[in-house]
Protein backbone atom coordinates (compact mmCIF):
# COMPACT_ATOMS: atom_id res chain seq x y z
CA MET A 1 -27.30 28.39 18.73
CA THR A 2 -29.20 25.48 20.10
CA PHE A 3 -27.61 21.76 20.07
CA PRO A 4 -28.71 18.45 20.37
CA ALA A 5 -28.89 17.31 24.05
CA TRP A 6 -26.56 14.21 22.83
CA SER A 7 -24.14 16.96 21.67
CA LEU A 8 -24.19 18.78 24.93
CA HIS A 9 -24.01 15.94 27.08
CA PHE A 10 -20.92 14.45 25.06
CA SER A 11 -18.93 17.96 25.06
CA LEU A 12 -19.42 18.69 28.99
CA ILE A 13 -17.80 15.04 29.89
CA ARG A 14 -15.51 15.33 27.18
CA PHE A 15 -14.57 18.86 28.98
CA VAL A 16 -14.18 17.22 32.50
CA CYS A 17 -12.22 14.53 31.12
CA ARG A 18 -9.91 16.96 28.81
CA LEU A 19 -9.78 18.82 32.64
CA LEU A 20 -8.41 15.78 34.29
CA SER A 21 -5.54 15.23 31.59
CA ASP A 22 -4.66 18.07 31.97
CA ILE A 23 -4.05 17.75 35.62
CA CYS A 24 -2.10 14.48 34.77
CA PHE A 25 -0.15 16.16 32.39
CA LEU A 26 1.11 18.82 35.23
CA ILE A 27 2.04 16.16 37.47
CA PHE A 28 3.77 13.98 35.16
CA VAL A 29 6.30 17.02 34.33
CA TYR A 30 6.46 18.70 37.53
CA ILE A 31 5.76 16.13 40.10
CA TRP A 32 5.84 12.91 39.24
CA PRO A 33 8.26 12.35 36.13
CA TYR A 34 6.72 8.56 35.02
CA ARG A 35 9.16 6.47 34.38
CA ARG A 36 11.41 9.36 32.74
CA GLU A 37 14.88 7.46 32.77
CA VAL A 38 13.06 4.62 30.72
CA ILE A 39 11.60 6.79 28.43
CA SER A 40 14.47 8.78 27.65
CA LYS A 41 16.74 5.64 27.17
CA ASN A 42 14.35 4.53 24.38
CA PHE A 43 14.36 8.04 22.99
CA ARG A 44 18.25 7.69 22.57
CA ASN A 45 18.18 4.33 21.41
CA ALA A 46 15.32 4.69 19.04
CA PHE A 47 16.93 8.78 17.51
CA PRO A 48 20.20 8.86 17.75
CA ASN A 49 20.44 11.73 15.81
CA HIS A 50 18.18 13.69 18.12
CA SER A 51 19.75 16.39 20.36
CA GLN A 52 18.29 17.15 23.87
CA LYS A 53 16.16 19.23 23.33
CA GLU A 54 14.14 17.62 20.56
CA ASN A 55 14.04 14.33 23.16
CA ASN A 56 12.93 16.44 25.88
CA GLN A 57 10.33 17.99 23.08
CA LEU A 58 8.87 14.52 22.42
CA LEU A 59 8.88 13.59 26.16
CA ARG A 60 6.37 16.47 27.05
CA ALA A 61 4.47 15.52 24.13
CA CYS A 62 4.81 11.85 25.41
CA TYR A 63 2.95 12.65 28.67
CA ARG A 64 0.90 14.93 26.94
CA HIS A 65 -0.71 12.01 25.45
CA LEU A 66 -0.37 9.64 27.84
CA ALA A 67 -2.49 11.70 30.42
CA ASP A 68 -5.40 11.81 27.60
CA LEU A 69 -5.15 7.60 27.52
CA ILE A 70 -5.33 7.63 31.33
CA THR A 71 -8.83 9.82 30.71
CA GLU A 72 -10.12 8.41 27.66
CA PRO A 73 -11.46 5.00 29.07
CA VAL A 74 -13.42 7.53 31.65
CA LEU A 75 -14.69 9.13 28.14
CA MET A 76 -15.68 5.95 26.38
CA ARG A 77 -17.45 4.41 29.45
CA LEU A 78 -20.02 7.54 29.81
CA CYS A 79 -19.93 8.31 25.90
CA ARG A 80 -23.68 6.92 24.16
CA LYS A 81 -23.43 4.97 21.48
CA ARG A 82 -24.29 7.22 19.24
CA ASP A 83 -21.42 9.32 20.39
CA ARG A 84 -18.84 6.88 19.31
CA SER A 85 -18.28 8.42 15.92
CA ARG A 86 -16.94 11.58 17.44
CA MET A 87 -14.35 9.68 19.17
CA VAL A 88 -12.93 6.98 16.54
CA ARG A 89 -13.44 7.46 12.63
CA TYR A 90 -12.63 3.64 10.54
CA GLU A 91 -12.04 3.63 7.35
CA ASN A 92 -11.42 0.92 4.96
CA VAL A 93 -14.34 -1.12 7.05
CA SER A 94 -15.28 -2.54 3.38
CA LEU A 95 -11.64 -4.63 3.60
CA LEU A 96 -12.77 -6.48 6.99
CA ARG A 97 -16.17 -7.00 5.72
CA GLU A 98 -14.84 -8.23 2.27
CA LEU A 99 -12.29 -10.69 4.03
CA LEU A 100 -15.60 -12.24 6.26
CA ALA A 101 -17.87 -12.48 3.39
CA LYS A 102 -15.40 -14.79 1.91
CA GLY A 103 -15.41 -17.26 4.84
CA SER A 104 -12.15 -16.18 6.07
CA ASP A 105 -11.25 -15.31 9.98
CA VAL A 106 -9.17 -12.15 10.42
CA VAL A 107 -6.48 -11.38 12.69
CA LEU A 108 -6.16 -7.67 13.43
CA MET A 109 -2.51 -6.98 14.64
CA ALA A 110 -2.65 -3.42 16.65
CA SER A 111 -0.18 -1.85 18.75
CA HIS A 112 0.08 0.31 21.99
CA TYR A 113 -0.31 3.42 19.27
CA GLY A 114 -3.04 6.17 19.69
CA ASN A 115 -5.79 4.35 22.22
CA TRP A 116 -6.15 0.53 21.13
CA GLU A 117 -8.83 0.42 23.26
CA TYR A 118 -10.69 2.45 21.14
CA LEU A 119 -10.91 -1.01 18.82
CA PHE A 120 -13.50 -2.41 21.55
CA SER A 121 -16.10 -0.20 19.52
CA LEU A 122 -15.50 -2.39 16.36
CA PRO A 123 -18.54 -4.95 16.88
CA LEU A 124 -20.72 -1.80 16.24
CA ILE A 125 -19.51 -1.76 12.96
CA ILE A 126 -18.89 -5.08 11.53
CA ASP A 127 -21.35 -8.14 11.91
CA ALA A 128 -19.14 -10.96 13.18
CA GLU A 129 -17.96 -11.65 16.16
CA VAL A 130 -15.25 -9.96 17.57
CA LEU A 131 -12.82 -11.59 20.05
CA ALA A 132 -9.59 -9.58 21.93
CA VAL A 133 -6.74 -10.51 24.05
CA TYR A 134 -6.37 -9.02 27.60
CA SER A 135 -4.26 -8.60 30.62
CA PRO A 136 -6.28 -9.14 33.92
CA VAL A 137 -5.13 -6.77 36.93
CA SER A 138 -5.76 -7.05 40.35
CA PRO A 139 -7.51 -6.87 42.49
CA ASP A 140 -10.68 -8.55 41.25
CA PHE A 141 -13.23 -5.81 41.52
CA LEU A 142 -10.97 -3.29 38.99
CA ASN A 143 -10.45 -6.16 36.66
CA ASN A 144 -14.26 -6.72 36.31
CA THR A 145 -15.04 -3.00 36.14
CA LEU A 146 -12.49 -3.14 33.50
CA LYS A 147 -13.70 -5.96 31.69
CA LYS A 148 -17.54 -4.78 31.86
CA LEU A 149 -16.08 -1.35 30.23
CA ARG A 150 -13.97 -3.15 27.67
CA SER A 151 -16.78 -5.12 26.86
CA ARG A 152 -19.69 -2.91 26.78
CA PHE A 153 -19.64 -2.92 23.00
CA GLY A 154 -20.36 -6.52 22.44
CA ILE A 155 -16.39 -7.63 22.31
CA SER A 156 -15.44 -10.76 23.85
CA LEU A 157 -12.31 -10.99 25.92
CA ILE A 158 -9.71 -13.41 26.50
CA PRO A 159 -7.08 -13.29 29.25
CA LYS A 160 -3.87 -13.35 27.83
CA LYS A 161 -2.46 -16.44 29.29
CA GLU A 162 -5.40 -18.51 27.49
CA TRP A 163 -5.48 -16.35 24.21
CA CYS A 164 -3.29 -18.96 22.06
CA ARG A 165 -5.28 -22.00 23.51
CA GLN A 166 -8.80 -20.34 22.79
CA ALA A 167 -8.02 -18.37 19.58
CA LEU A 168 -7.03 -21.94 18.16
CA LYS A 169 -10.04 -24.04 19.13
CA HIS A 170 -12.28 -21.17 18.65
CA ALA A 171 -15.12 -22.25 16.27
CA SER A 172 -18.38 -20.86 14.82
CA ASP A 173 -20.56 -21.18 12.56
CA ARG A 174 -19.16 -17.86 10.50
CA PRO A 175 -15.72 -16.08 10.31
CA ALA A 176 -14.24 -14.06 13.15
CA VAL A 177 -12.10 -11.26 14.19
CA PHE A 178 -9.20 -11.85 16.49
CA ILE A 179 -7.48 -8.85 17.74
CA SER A 180 -3.75 -8.87 18.98
CA VAL A 181 -1.88 -6.12 20.38
CA SER A 182 1.03 -7.59 18.60
CA ASP A 183 4.17 -5.34 20.07
CA GLN A 184 4.46 -6.79 23.21
CA ARG A 185 7.15 -7.71 24.34
CA PRO A 186 7.64 -11.37 24.99
CA ALA A 187 8.02 -13.08 28.49
CA GLN A 188 12.14 -13.29 27.79
CA ALA A 189 14.34 -13.26 24.80
CA GLY A 190 13.49 -15.76 21.94
CA ASN A 191 14.98 -16.12 18.73
CA GLN A 192 12.37 -14.50 16.79
CA THR A 193 14.13 -11.04 16.19
CA VAL A 194 13.43 -8.20 13.83
CA ARG A 195 14.95 -4.75 12.96
CA PHE A 196 13.05 -2.18 14.75
CA MET A 197 13.40 0.88 15.76
CA ASN A 198 16.80 1.05 15.01
CA GLN A 199 17.50 -1.89 17.22
CA THR A 200 17.33 -5.88 17.78
CA THR A 201 13.99 -6.21 18.95
CA HIS A 202 12.58 -9.63 20.47
CA VAL A 203 9.26 -10.15 19.13
CA GLN A 204 6.04 -12.22 19.70
CA SER A 205 4.56 -14.80 17.30
CA GLY A 206 1.06 -15.50 18.63
CA ALA A 207 -0.85 -13.62 16.48
CA VAL A 208 0.56 -14.53 13.20
CA ARG A 209 0.53 -18.16 14.62
CA ILE A 210 -3.18 -18.23 15.30
CA ALA A 211 -3.29 -17.09 11.59
CA GLY A 212 -1.32 -19.13 10.04
CA ARG A 213 -2.92 -22.35 11.80
CA ARG A 214 -6.64 -20.72 10.68
CA ALA A 215 -5.70 -19.72 7.70
CA ALA A 216 -6.62 -16.60 8.19
CA ALA A 217 -6.25 -13.22 6.86
CA VAL A 218 -3.66 -11.11 8.83
CA VAL A 219 -4.39 -6.92 9.18
CA TYR A 220 -2.56 -3.98 10.06
CA LEU A 221 -4.24 -1.54 12.09
CA ASN A 222 -3.21 2.18 11.39
CA VAL A 223 -4.08 4.81 13.94
CA LYS A 224 -3.80 8.36 13.64
CA LYS A 225 -4.73 11.04 16.43
CA GLU A 226 -7.32 13.67 14.78
CA GLU A 227 -7.42 15.56 17.66
CA ARG A 228 -7.57 14.87 21.50
CA ASN A 229 -9.99 12.37 22.49
CA SER A 230 -10.33 11.65 18.91
CA TYR A 231 -8.36 8.74 16.11
CA HIS A 232 -8.93 7.48 12.65
CA PHE A 233 -8.49 3.87 12.51
CA ARG A 234 -7.55 2.46 8.55
CA PHE A 235 -7.29 -1.55 8.05
CA GLU A 236 -4.52 -2.40 5.99
CA LEU A 237 -4.05 -6.11 4.14
CA LEU A 238 -0.81 -7.52 5.05
CA ALA A 239 -1.95 -10.93 4.05
CA GLU A 240 -5.15 -12.54 2.61
CA ASN A 241 -4.31 -16.28 3.75
CA ALA A 242 -1.42 -16.15 6.66
CA SER A 243 -0.98 -20.39 6.08
CA GLU A 244 0.78 -19.14 2.56
CA CYS A 245 3.28 -16.83 4.05
CA SER A 246 5.76 -17.67 6.72
CA GLU A 247 5.92 -16.38 9.95
CA SER A 248 8.64 -14.51 9.99
CA GLU A 249 7.45 -12.31 6.46
CA LEU A 250 4.17 -11.73 8.68
CA ILE A 251 6.08 -10.32 11.63
CA THR A 252 8.60 -8.39 9.69
CA ALA A 253 5.59 -7.22 7.35
CA TYR A 254 3.88 -5.91 10.62
CA TYR A 255 6.85 -4.07 12.31
CA GLN A 256 7.68 -2.12 8.89
CA GLN A 257 4.35 -1.17 8.63
CA LEU A 258 4.36 -0.05 12.68
CA GLU A 259 7.46 1.95 12.64
CA LYS A 260 6.26 3.98 9.57
CA THR A 261 3.45 4.94 11.79
CA ILE A 262 5.66 5.69 14.60
CA LEU A 263 7.91 7.51 12.82
CA ARG A 264 4.88 9.85 11.51
CA LYS A 265 4.26 11.12 15.37
CA PRO A 266 6.34 9.26 17.79
CA GLU A 267 4.74 10.63 20.69
CA LEU A 268 1.61 8.56 20.81
CA TRP A 269 3.57 5.15 20.99
CA LEU A 270 3.84 3.97 24.33
CA TRP A 271 7.44 4.69 25.16
CA SER A 272 7.07 3.97 28.91
CA HIS A 273 7.71 0.15 29.11
CA ASN A 274 11.21 -1.40 28.99
CA ARG A 275 10.75 -2.98 25.31
CA TRP A 276 14.20 -3.82 24.93
CA LYS A 277 15.31 -5.04 28.10
CA PHE A 278 15.89 -8.73 28.98
């Protein structure tokens, strides 16, 4: 049996990335248990009815996914544009297109679930400017490399410190999509809280504030991992016009959807951060 050259190319780099991921997974399990105490504490608080055995199994599954996350940027960098459909499948894209066709901006509320960086391929499937927030890293050469990697499909990246200001003042002759990874922990405890994963959770309101001021539609990104290195993204409408809703309504709706997503397959969320510590 013969395979097209592009399939052979993709299969080879995927094999190498999976091999590297397997090595990372073994390191996490047997040599360097990355943030194990933080992850275990989050499990105990989020799943009080879990046994220790269940939490240990979930920890291994988290490390398995985390190892894939580390190597998937390499796969994304080396794959060709025509290979993208083998890594991410979009569903309900018509929702975005219909909203944009009506002249509405879209605030897309993503999360640290699955591989959120696959969203950087969104400009390939919609005819609109796509802007996303990112956190600069040090040193500069690494930051520049990551920016080049993430923007290769045409996305515009805005540093976290400038995100709200630039998103609010952004002007264009056509509507745009603003991507926000909205489950970030705020820099300090504030008054805005929701009940999330069995805990009172302080939240950021930047995404819904931008949506409200721009009278934008708010869309939730529902993610499933179909197999290793392959994700399914579905767009779900939270509000057609955010200016007609309160910030608390939109934040609550987002976190309710996110909790449903996490409970479906909890190991795909990024549990390694001190999400609830201040």
